[in-house]
Amino acid sequence: MKSSWKKQRQATKKRQIKLLRWRNNFVRKYGFKNVAELGIRVSEAVRKTVESCYNALKQLTKMRTTNETFV
């Protein structure tokens, strides 16, 4: 008969393997070789998005200040 800690250890191991398989399949599904490549692409996308939002906010602020001076 197995003790409870062995059962917990096996369940944890099984869960880890399942999550590892899911992650690897997800990464390969979208054409990446590994998780590091995915992380690099995601960080680049986030940087570009934040940069464009920052530029838009800067333009809006500039427009607002110019409109307030003419009023």
N, C-alpha and C. Protein backbone atom coordinates (compact mmCIF):
# COMPACT_ATOMS: atom_id res chain seq x y z
N MET A 1 0.83 -1.18 0.00
CA MET A 1 0.00 0.00 0.00
C MET A 1 0.88 1.26 0.00
N LYS A 2 0.52 2.21 -0.82
CA LYS A 2 1.30 3.44 -0.93
C LYS A 2 0.94 4.42 0.18
N SER A 3 1.95 5.13 0.63
CA SER A 3 1.68 6.16 1.64
C SER A 3 1.18 7.42 0.94
N SER A 4 0.61 8.31 1.72
CA SER A 4 -0.01 9.50 1.14
C SER A 4 1.02 10.42 0.49
N TRP A 5 2.23 10.52 1.05
CA TRP A 5 3.23 11.41 0.46
C TRP A 5 3.68 10.91 -0.90
N LYS A 6 3.70 9.57 -1.08
CA LYS A 6 4.06 9.02 -2.39
C LYS A 6 2.97 9.34 -3.41
N LYS A 7 1.73 9.24 -2.99
CA LYS A 7 0.62 9.57 -3.88
C LYS A 7 0.66 11.04 -4.28
N GLN A 8 0.93 11.90 -3.30
CA GLN A 8 1.02 13.33 -3.59
C GLN A 8 2.17 13.63 -4.53
N ARG A 9 3.30 12.97 -4.32
CA ARG A 9 4.47 13.17 -5.17
C ARG A 9 4.18 12.72 -6.60
N GLN A 10 3.52 11.58 -6.74
CA GLN A 10 3.18 11.09 -8.08
C GLN A 10 2.17 12.00 -8.76
N ALA A 11 1.21 12.50 -8.00
CA ALA A 11 0.21 13.41 -8.57
C ALA A 11 0.86 14.70 -9.03
N THR A 12 1.79 15.23 -8.23
CA THR A 12 2.50 16.46 -8.59
C THR A 12 3.33 16.24 -9.84
N LYS A 13 4.03 15.12 -9.89
CA LYS A 13 4.86 14.79 -11.05
C LYS A 13 4.01 14.67 -12.30
N LYS A 14 2.88 14.02 -12.17
CA LYS A 14 1.97 13.84 -13.30
C LYS A 14 1.45 15.20 -13.79
N ARG A 15 1.09 16.07 -12.85
CA ARG A 15 0.59 17.41 -13.18
C ARG A 15 1.67 18.23 -13.88
N GLN A 16 2.90 18.15 -13.38
CA GLN A 16 4.02 18.88 -13.99
C GLN A 16 4.27 18.42 -15.43
N ILE A 17 4.25 17.11 -15.63
CA ILE A 17 4.46 16.57 -16.97
C ILE A 17 3.35 17.02 -17.91
N LYS A 18 2.12 17.00 -17.41
CA LYS A 18 0.97 17.42 -18.21
C LYS A 18 1.09 18.89 -18.62
N LEU A 19 1.45 19.75 -17.66
CA LEU A 19 1.62 21.17 -17.96
C LEU A 19 2.78 21.41 -18.90
N LEU A 20 3.86 20.67 -18.74
CA LEU A 20 5.02 20.80 -19.62
C LEU A 20 4.66 20.43 -21.06
N ARG A 21 3.91 19.35 -21.22
CA ARG A 21 3.46 18.94 -22.55
C ARG A 21 2.55 20.01 -23.16
N TRP A 22 1.62 20.52 -22.36
CA TRP A 22 0.70 21.55 -22.86
C TRP A 22 1.47 22.78 -23.32
N ARG A 23 2.43 23.22 -22.50
CA ARG A 23 3.21 24.40 -22.83
C ARG A 23 4.02 24.19 -24.10
N ASN A 24 4.67 23.05 -24.20
CA ASN A 24 5.48 22.77 -25.39
C ASN A 24 4.61 22.68 -26.65
N ASN A 25 3.45 22.07 -26.54
CA ASN A 25 2.55 21.99 -27.69
C ASN A 25 2.04 23.37 -28.08
N PHE A 26 1.75 24.20 -27.11
CA PHE A 26 1.30 25.57 -27.36
C PHE A 26 2.37 26.36 -28.10
N VAL A 27 3.61 26.24 -27.63
CA VAL A 27 4.73 26.96 -28.24
C VAL A 27 4.93 26.50 -29.68
N ARG A 28 4.93 25.20 -29.90
CA ARG A 28 5.13 24.67 -31.26
C ARG A 28 3.96 24.99 -32.18
N LYS A 29 2.76 25.03 -31.62
CA LYS A 29 1.56 25.31 -32.42
C LYS A 29 1.66 26.66 -33.12
N TYR A 30 2.26 27.64 -32.46
CA TYR A 30 2.37 28.97 -33.03
C TYR A 30 3.71 29.22 -33.70
N GLY A 31 4.47 28.16 -33.98
CA GLY A 31 5.66 28.25 -34.80
C GLY A 31 6.92 28.69 -34.11
N PHE A 32 6.99 28.58 -32.80
CA PHE A 32 8.20 28.94 -32.08
C PHE A 32 8.97 27.67 -31.74
N LYS A 33 10.29 27.79 -31.67
CA LYS A 33 11.11 26.61 -31.37
C LYS A 33 11.14 26.31 -29.88
N ASN A 34 11.13 27.37 -29.07
CA ASN A 34 11.18 27.16 -27.62
C ASN A 34 10.54 28.34 -26.91
N VAL A 35 10.45 28.24 -25.62
CA VAL A 35 9.79 29.26 -24.81
C VAL A 35 10.56 30.58 -24.83
N ALA A 36 11.89 30.50 -24.90
CA ALA A 36 12.71 31.72 -24.91
C ALA A 36 12.39 32.57 -26.13
N GLU A 37 12.26 31.93 -27.28
CA GLU A 37 11.93 32.67 -28.51
C GLU A 37 10.55 33.32 -28.39
N LEU A 38 9.61 32.60 -27.81
CA LEU A 38 8.27 33.15 -27.58
C LEU A 38 8.34 34.36 -26.66
N GLY A 39 9.14 34.27 -25.60
CA GLY A 39 9.28 35.38 -24.66
C GLY A 39 9.87 36.62 -25.32
N ILE A 40 10.84 36.41 -26.20
CA ILE A 40 11.46 37.54 -26.90
C ILE A 40 10.44 38.22 -27.79
N ARG A 41 9.67 37.44 -28.54
CA ARG A 41 8.66 38.01 -29.44
C ARG A 41 7.58 38.75 -28.66
N VAL A 42 7.15 38.18 -27.55
CA VAL A 42 6.11 38.81 -26.74
C VAL A 42 6.62 40.13 -26.17
N SER A 43 7.85 40.14 -25.68
CA SER A 43 8.39 41.38 -25.10
C SER A 43 8.55 42.46 -26.17
N GLU A 44 8.94 42.06 -27.38
CA GLU A 44 9.03 43.04 -28.47
C GLU A 44 7.66 43.61 -28.81
N ALA A 45 6.65 42.75 -28.85
CA ALA A 45 5.30 43.20 -29.16
C ALA A 45 4.78 44.15 -28.09
N VAL A 46 5.04 43.83 -26.84
CA VAL A 46 4.59 44.69 -25.74
C VAL A 46 5.30 46.04 -25.81
N ARG A 47 6.60 46.02 -26.08
CA ARG A 47 7.35 47.27 -26.18
C ARG A 47 6.80 48.15 -27.29
N LYS A 48 6.51 47.57 -28.45
CA LYS A 48 5.97 48.35 -29.57
C LYS A 48 4.59 48.93 -29.22
N THR A 49 3.77 48.13 -28.56
CA THR A 49 2.43 48.58 -28.17
C THR A 49 2.51 49.74 -27.19
N VAL A 50 3.35 49.60 -26.18
CA VAL A 50 3.50 50.65 -25.17
C VAL A 50 4.05 51.92 -25.81
N GLU A 51 5.01 51.75 -26.71
CA GLU A 51 5.60 52.91 -27.38
C GLU A 51 4.56 53.66 -28.21
N SER A 52 3.72 52.93 -28.93
CA SER A 52 2.70 53.60 -29.75
C SER A 52 1.64 54.27 -28.88
N CYS A 53 1.27 53.64 -27.75
CA CYS A 53 0.32 54.27 -26.83
C CYS A 53 0.92 55.53 -26.22
N TYR A 54 2.19 55.48 -25.88
CA TYR A 54 2.86 56.64 -25.31
C TYR A 54 2.88 57.80 -26.31
N ASN A 55 3.19 57.48 -27.57
CA ASN A 55 3.20 58.53 -28.59
C ASN A 55 1.81 59.14 -28.79
N ALA A 56 0.78 58.30 -28.76
CA ALA A 56 -0.58 58.80 -28.91
C ALA A 56 -0.95 59.71 -27.74
N LEU A 57 -0.61 59.30 -26.54
CA LEU A 57 -0.91 60.12 -25.36
C LEU A 57 -0.15 61.44 -25.40
N LYS A 58 1.08 61.38 -25.87
CA LYS A 58 1.88 62.59 -25.98
C LYS A 58 1.24 63.56 -26.97
N GLN A 59 0.77 63.04 -28.09
CA GLN A 59 0.10 63.88 -29.09
C GLN A 59 -1.18 64.49 -28.54
N LEU A 60 -1.96 63.66 -27.82
CA LEU A 60 -3.20 64.17 -27.23
C LEU A 60 -2.92 65.28 -26.22
N THR A 61 -1.91 65.10 -25.42
CA THR A 61 -1.54 66.12 -24.43
C THR A 61 -1.11 67.40 -25.14
N LYS A 62 -0.35 67.23 -26.20
CA LYS A 62 0.11 68.38 -26.96
C LYS A 62 -1.07 69.13 -27.59
N MET A 63 -2.02 68.36 -28.15
CA MET A 63 -3.20 68.99 -28.75
C MET A 63 -4.01 69.72 -27.70
N ARG A 64 -4.15 69.10 -26.52
CA ARG A 64 -4.93 69.73 -25.46
C ARG A 64 -4.30 71.04 -25.00
N THR A 65 -3.00 71.05 -24.85
CA THR A 65 -2.34 72.27 -24.38
C THR A 65 -2.41 73.36 -25.44
N THR A 66 -2.32 73.01 -26.71
CA THR A 66 -2.43 74.02 -27.77
C THR A 66 -3.85 74.57 -27.85
N ASN A 67 -4.84 73.72 -27.64
CA ASN A 67 -6.23 74.18 -27.66
C ASN A 67 -6.54 75.08 -26.48
N GLU A 68 -5.95 74.80 -25.33
CA GLU A 68 -6.20 75.63 -24.15
C GLU A 68 -5.57 77.02 -24.32
N THR A 69 -4.50 77.13 -25.04
CA THR A 69 -3.87 78.42 -25.21
C THR A 69 -4.68 79.32 -26.14
N PHE A 70 -5.42 78.74 -27.07
CA PHE A 70 -6.22 79.54 -28.01
C PHE A 70 -7.58 79.94 -27.45
N VAL A 71 -8.02 79.32 -26.39
CA VAL A 71 -9.35 79.62 -25.84
C VAL A 71 -9.37 80.91 -25.09
